[in-house]
Protein backbone atom coordinates (compact mmCIF):
# COMPACT_ATOMS: atom_id res chain seq x y z
CA ASN A 1 0.00 0.00 0.00
CA LYS A 2 2.83 2.41 -0.70
CA VAL A 3 1.86 5.78 -2.12
CA ASP A 4 3.77 7.72 -4.76
CA ASN A 5 1.39 10.52 -5.67
CA ILE A 6 0.38 12.66 -2.71
CA ASP A 7 -1.59 15.81 -3.52
CA VAL A 8 0.72 18.55 -2.26
CA LYS A 9 -1.91 21.30 -2.61
CA THR A 10 -4.23 19.68 -0.03
CA LEU A 11 -1.47 18.14 2.11
CA GLU A 12 -1.80 18.37 5.88
CA ILE A 13 0.81 17.03 8.33
CA MET A 14 -0.26 15.53 11.69
CA THR A 15 2.10 14.24 14.38
CA ASP A 16 2.05 12.66 17.84
CA GLU A 17 4.79 11.21 20.05
CA PHE A 18 5.19 8.08 17.92
CA SER A 19 4.01 8.69 14.38
CA ILE A 20 3.75 11.16 11.53
CA TYR A 21 0.62 11.22 9.39
CA LEU A 22 -0.18 12.92 6.11
CA LYS A 23 -3.69 13.80 4.94
CA ASP A 24 -4.66 15.02 1.48
CA LYS A 25 -7.85 15.08 -0.61
CA ASN A 26 -7.45 11.38 -1.39
CA GLY A 27 -6.85 9.85 2.02
CA VAL A 28 -4.80 9.50 5.20
CA TYR A 29 -1.28 8.08 5.27
CA ILE A 30 1.15 7.05 7.97
CA LEU A 31 4.87 7.55 7.49
CA PHE A 32 7.12 4.54 8.07
CA SER A 33 10.80 4.06 7.40
CA TYR A 34 11.55 1.49 4.69
CA ASN A 35 12.47 -1.11 7.30
CA GLY A 36 8.88 -1.05 8.50
CA GLY A 37 9.44 0.78 11.75
CA VAL A 38 8.18 4.14 12.89
CA PRO A 39 10.82 6.78 12.05
CA VAL A 40 12.78 8.17 14.97
CA ASP A 41 15.63 10.11 13.39
CA LEU A 42 13.90 12.21 10.76
CA ASP A 43 17.19 13.58 9.40
CA ASN A 44 18.63 10.20 8.51
CA VAL A 45 15.72 7.98 7.56
CA ILE A 46 14.09 7.32 4.20
CA MET A 47 10.36 7.80 4.52
CA SER A 48 7.65 5.75 2.84
CA PRO A 49 4.00 6.81 3.30
CA LYS A 50 1.43 4.02 3.51
CA ILE A 51 -2.27 4.67 3.05
CA LEU A 52 -4.62 3.76 5.88
CA LYS A 53 -7.44 1.59 4.61
CA ASN A 54 -11.11 2.36 5.26
CA VAL A 55 -10.44 5.65 7.05
CA ASP A 56 -12.92 8.52 7.02
CA LYS A 57 -10.54 11.38 6.33
CA GLN A 58 -13.06 14.04 7.32
CA THR A 59 -13.33 12.82 10.93
CA PHE A 60 -9.81 11.37 11.34
CA GLN A 61 -7.96 12.73 14.37
CA LEU A 62 -4.96 11.87 16.52
CA ILE A 63 -5.50 10.87 20.13
CA GLY A 64 -1.85 10.54 21.18
CA GLY A 65 0.41 7.69 22.18
CA GLY A 66 0.21 6.18 18.69
CA TYR A 67 -3.61 6.10 18.72
CA SER A 68 -5.98 7.77 16.28
CA LYS A 69 -9.66 7.48 15.40
CA ASP A 70 -12.35 8.43 12.94
CA LYS A 71 -16.14 8.26 13.28
CA ASN A 72 -16.12 4.48 12.84
CA SER A 73 -12.89 3.02 14.21
CA VAL A 74 -9.84 3.31 16.46
CA PHE A 75 -6.29 2.77 15.12
CA TYR A 76 -2.97 2.02 16.79
CA GLU A 77 0.10 3.01 14.77
CA GLY A 78 -2.08 2.93 11.67
CA LYS A 79 -3.64 -0.49 12.34
CA LYS A 80 -7.36 -0.78 13.02
CA LEU A 81 -8.27 -2.17 16.43
CA ARG A 82 -10.99 -4.73 15.82
CA ASN A 83 -14.27 -4.37 17.72
CA ILE A 84 -13.19 -1.17 19.50
CA SER A 85 -15.57 1.78 19.25
CA PRO A 86 -14.36 5.39 18.96
CA ASP A 87 -17.26 6.44 21.20
CA ASN A 88 -16.08 7.10 24.78
CA PHE A 89 -12.64 5.77 23.80
CA ASN A 90 -9.92 6.22 26.39
CA ILE A 91 -6.48 4.76 27.11
CA PHE A 92 -5.06 4.05 30.56
CA ASP A 93 -1.31 3.68 30.29
CA GLY A 94 0.26 0.82 32.25
CA GLY A 95 3.47 2.58 33.19
CA ILE A 96 6.40 0.24 33.67
CA SER A 97 4.81 -2.74 35.40
CA TYR A 98 1.14 -2.92 34.42
CA ASP A 99 -0.93 -3.67 31.32
CA LYS A 100 -2.39 -0.96 29.14
CA ILE A 101 -6.19 -0.74 29.47
CA LEU A 102 -8.55 0.51 26.75
CA VAL A 103 -12.13 1.69 27.31
CA ASP A 104 -14.95 2.41 24.87
CA LYS A 105 -18.73 2.78 25.14
CA ASN A 106 -19.18 -0.99 25.36
CA GLY A 107 -16.57 -2.11 27.88
CA ALA A 108 -12.96 -2.25 28.99
CA TYR A 109 -10.11 -4.24 27.43
CA LYS A 110 -6.58 -5.28 28.26
CA LEU A 111 -4.07 -4.60 25.49
CA LEU A 112 -1.19 -7.08 25.43
CA GLU A 113 1.54 -5.66 23.22
CA ASN A 114 3.88 -8.08 21.49
CA GLU A 115 6.78 -6.95 19.35
CA ASN A 116 6.89 -10.15 17.28
CA GLN A 117 3.17 -10.90 16.94
CA LYS A 118 -0.09 -9.03 16.61
CA ASP A 119 -1.21 -7.21 19.73
CA LYS A 120 -3.95 -9.00 21.68
CA ILE A 121 -7.07 -7.27 22.95
CA ILE A 122 -8.71 -9.13 25.83
CA PRO A 123 -12.23 -8.09 26.93
CA LEU A 124 -12.48 -7.50 30.68
CA ASP A 125 -15.40 -8.16 32.99
CA SER A 126 -16.48 -4.57 33.56
CA LYS A 127 -20.05 -5.31 34.63
CA ASN A 128 -21.51 -2.55 36.83
CA ILE A 129 -18.59 -0.20 35.99
CA ASP A 130 -19.48 3.35 34.94
CA LEU A 131 -17.28 3.52 31.85
CA LYS A 132 -17.71 7.27 31.35
CA THR A 133 -16.20 8.13 34.74
CA LEU A 134 -13.71 5.25 35.02
CA GLU A 135 -10.12 6.29 35.73
CA ARG A 136 -6.92 4.54 36.71
CA ILE A 137 -5.29 5.41 40.03
CA ASP A 138 -1.64 5.93 39.17
CA SER A 139 1.20 5.67 41.64
CA PRO A 140 3.95 8.31 42.05
CA MET A 141 6.46 6.00 40.29
CA ASP A 142 4.35 3.67 38.15
CA SER A 143 0.72 2.78 37.49
CA SER A 144 -1.48 0.29 39.37
CA ASN A 145 -4.35 -2.17 39.02
CA TYR A 146 -6.60 0.07 41.11
CA PHE A 147 -9.38 2.02 39.37
CA LYS A 148 -12.30 4.18 40.40
CA ASP A 149 -15.51 5.52 38.93
CA LYS A 150 -18.26 7.71 40.39
CA ASN A 151 -19.61 4.75 42.35
CA GLY A 152 -16.58 3.09 43.91
CA VAL A 153 -13.01 1.78 43.88
CA TYR A 154 -12.01 -1.42 42.07
CA PHE A 155 -9.07 -3.77 41.80
CA LEU A 156 -8.38 -5.37 38.42
CA ASN A 157 -7.93 -9.01 39.38
CA GLY A 158 -6.81 -10.79 36.22
CA GLU A 159 -9.58 -9.98 33.77
CA LYS A 160 -12.23 -8.79 36.21
CA PHE A 161 -12.85 -5.51 38.03
CA VAL A 162 -13.61 -6.38 41.66
CA LYS A 163 -15.25 -3.68 43.76
CA ILE A 164 -13.51 -2.92 47.06
CA ASN A 165 -16.43 -2.68 49.43
CA GLY A 166 -16.15 0.19 51.87
CA ALA A 167 -13.24 1.91 50.10
CA ASP A 168 -13.43 5.71 50.26
CA ILE A 169 -13.35 7.15 46.72
CA ASP A 170 -12.22 10.63 47.72
CA THR A 171 -9.17 9.62 49.80
CA PHE A 172 -8.10 6.42 48.02
CA GLU A 173 -4.50 6.43 46.76
CA VAL A 174 -1.83 3.88 45.90
CA THR A 175 1.72 3.40 47.19
CA MET A 176 4.92 4.07 45.24
CA SER A 177 4.90 0.84 43.23
CA GLY A 178 1.11 0.62 42.96
CA LYS A 179 0.97 -2.69 44.85
CA TYR A 180 -0.92 -1.35 47.84
CA GLY A 181 -3.92 0.93 48.12
CA LYS A 182 -5.05 2.95 51.08
CA ASP A 183 -7.75 5.40 52.08
CA ARG A 184 -8.46 7.32 55.28
CA ASN A 185 -9.64 4.16 57.02
CA ASN A 186 -7.78 1.10 55.70
CA VAL A 187 -4.84 -0.38 53.79
CA TYR A 188 -5.45 -2.82 50.91
CA PHE A 189 -3.30 -5.40 49.15
CA GLU A 190 -4.56 -6.71 45.79
CA GLY A 191 -7.93 -5.18 46.62
CA LYS A 192 -8.31 -6.88 50.02
CA LYS A 193 -8.29 -5.07 53.34
CA MET A 194 -5.22 -5.68 55.48
CA GLU A 195 -6.35 -6.09 59.07
CA GLY A 196 -4.52 -4.10 61.72
CA GLU A 197 -2.75 -1.70 59.34
CA ASN A 198 -3.00 2.02 60.03
CA PRO A 199 -3.17 3.93 56.72
CA LYS A 200 -1.56 7.03 58.26
CA LYS A 201 1.50 5.07 59.37
CA PHE A 202 1.67 2.53 56.54
CA GLU A 203 4.64 2.80 54.22
CA GLU A 204 5.48 0.27 51.55
CA GLU A 205 8.76 -1.56 51.97
CA MET A 206 10.24 -1.09 48.51
CA GLU A 207 12.08 -4.05 47.09
CA ILE A 208 15.60 -3.20 45.98
CA LYS A 209 16.87 -5.52 43.25
């Protein structure tokens, strides 16, 4: 799908942290180096635009982090994400230690990125979650598997959001590595209350490797 004839008169350049896109009257294109990777050194790389298939150029927009969308679909580095809606689409970055989570109007999904194979999108059990107000609770150093919406706090246990009964939404936070959560009343490990722990005095013992 390489393109030789781009209409310079209608050319528009769009960029995010990872990719460079071109848009003209005929379509939308993503710029790759000839080795197939996303260009990093723009001064020393040979560029080859590739057209994005089945893109509505009128509504195409960049989201950031390699993601883009039009009125019908969501794309990651120019590849369409199957069965993901652009409506209410959001990305929760996983930091260093946690999986990236995607959300749309229909549910939440775990994105497993693989350099050698196609990325996997795994639907999560997000029953009773308010997807419009869902947010990830990030740690000072990393991310975490703790989330909250307008109704409560949750721990992502494997592929299921488990509500932490009694957790205080307004004061809930996570420790440096994201392993532990705490609010004004309790300390939690993997979503379960730790008996006898005082949240005001609790400090995570960081593992030094």
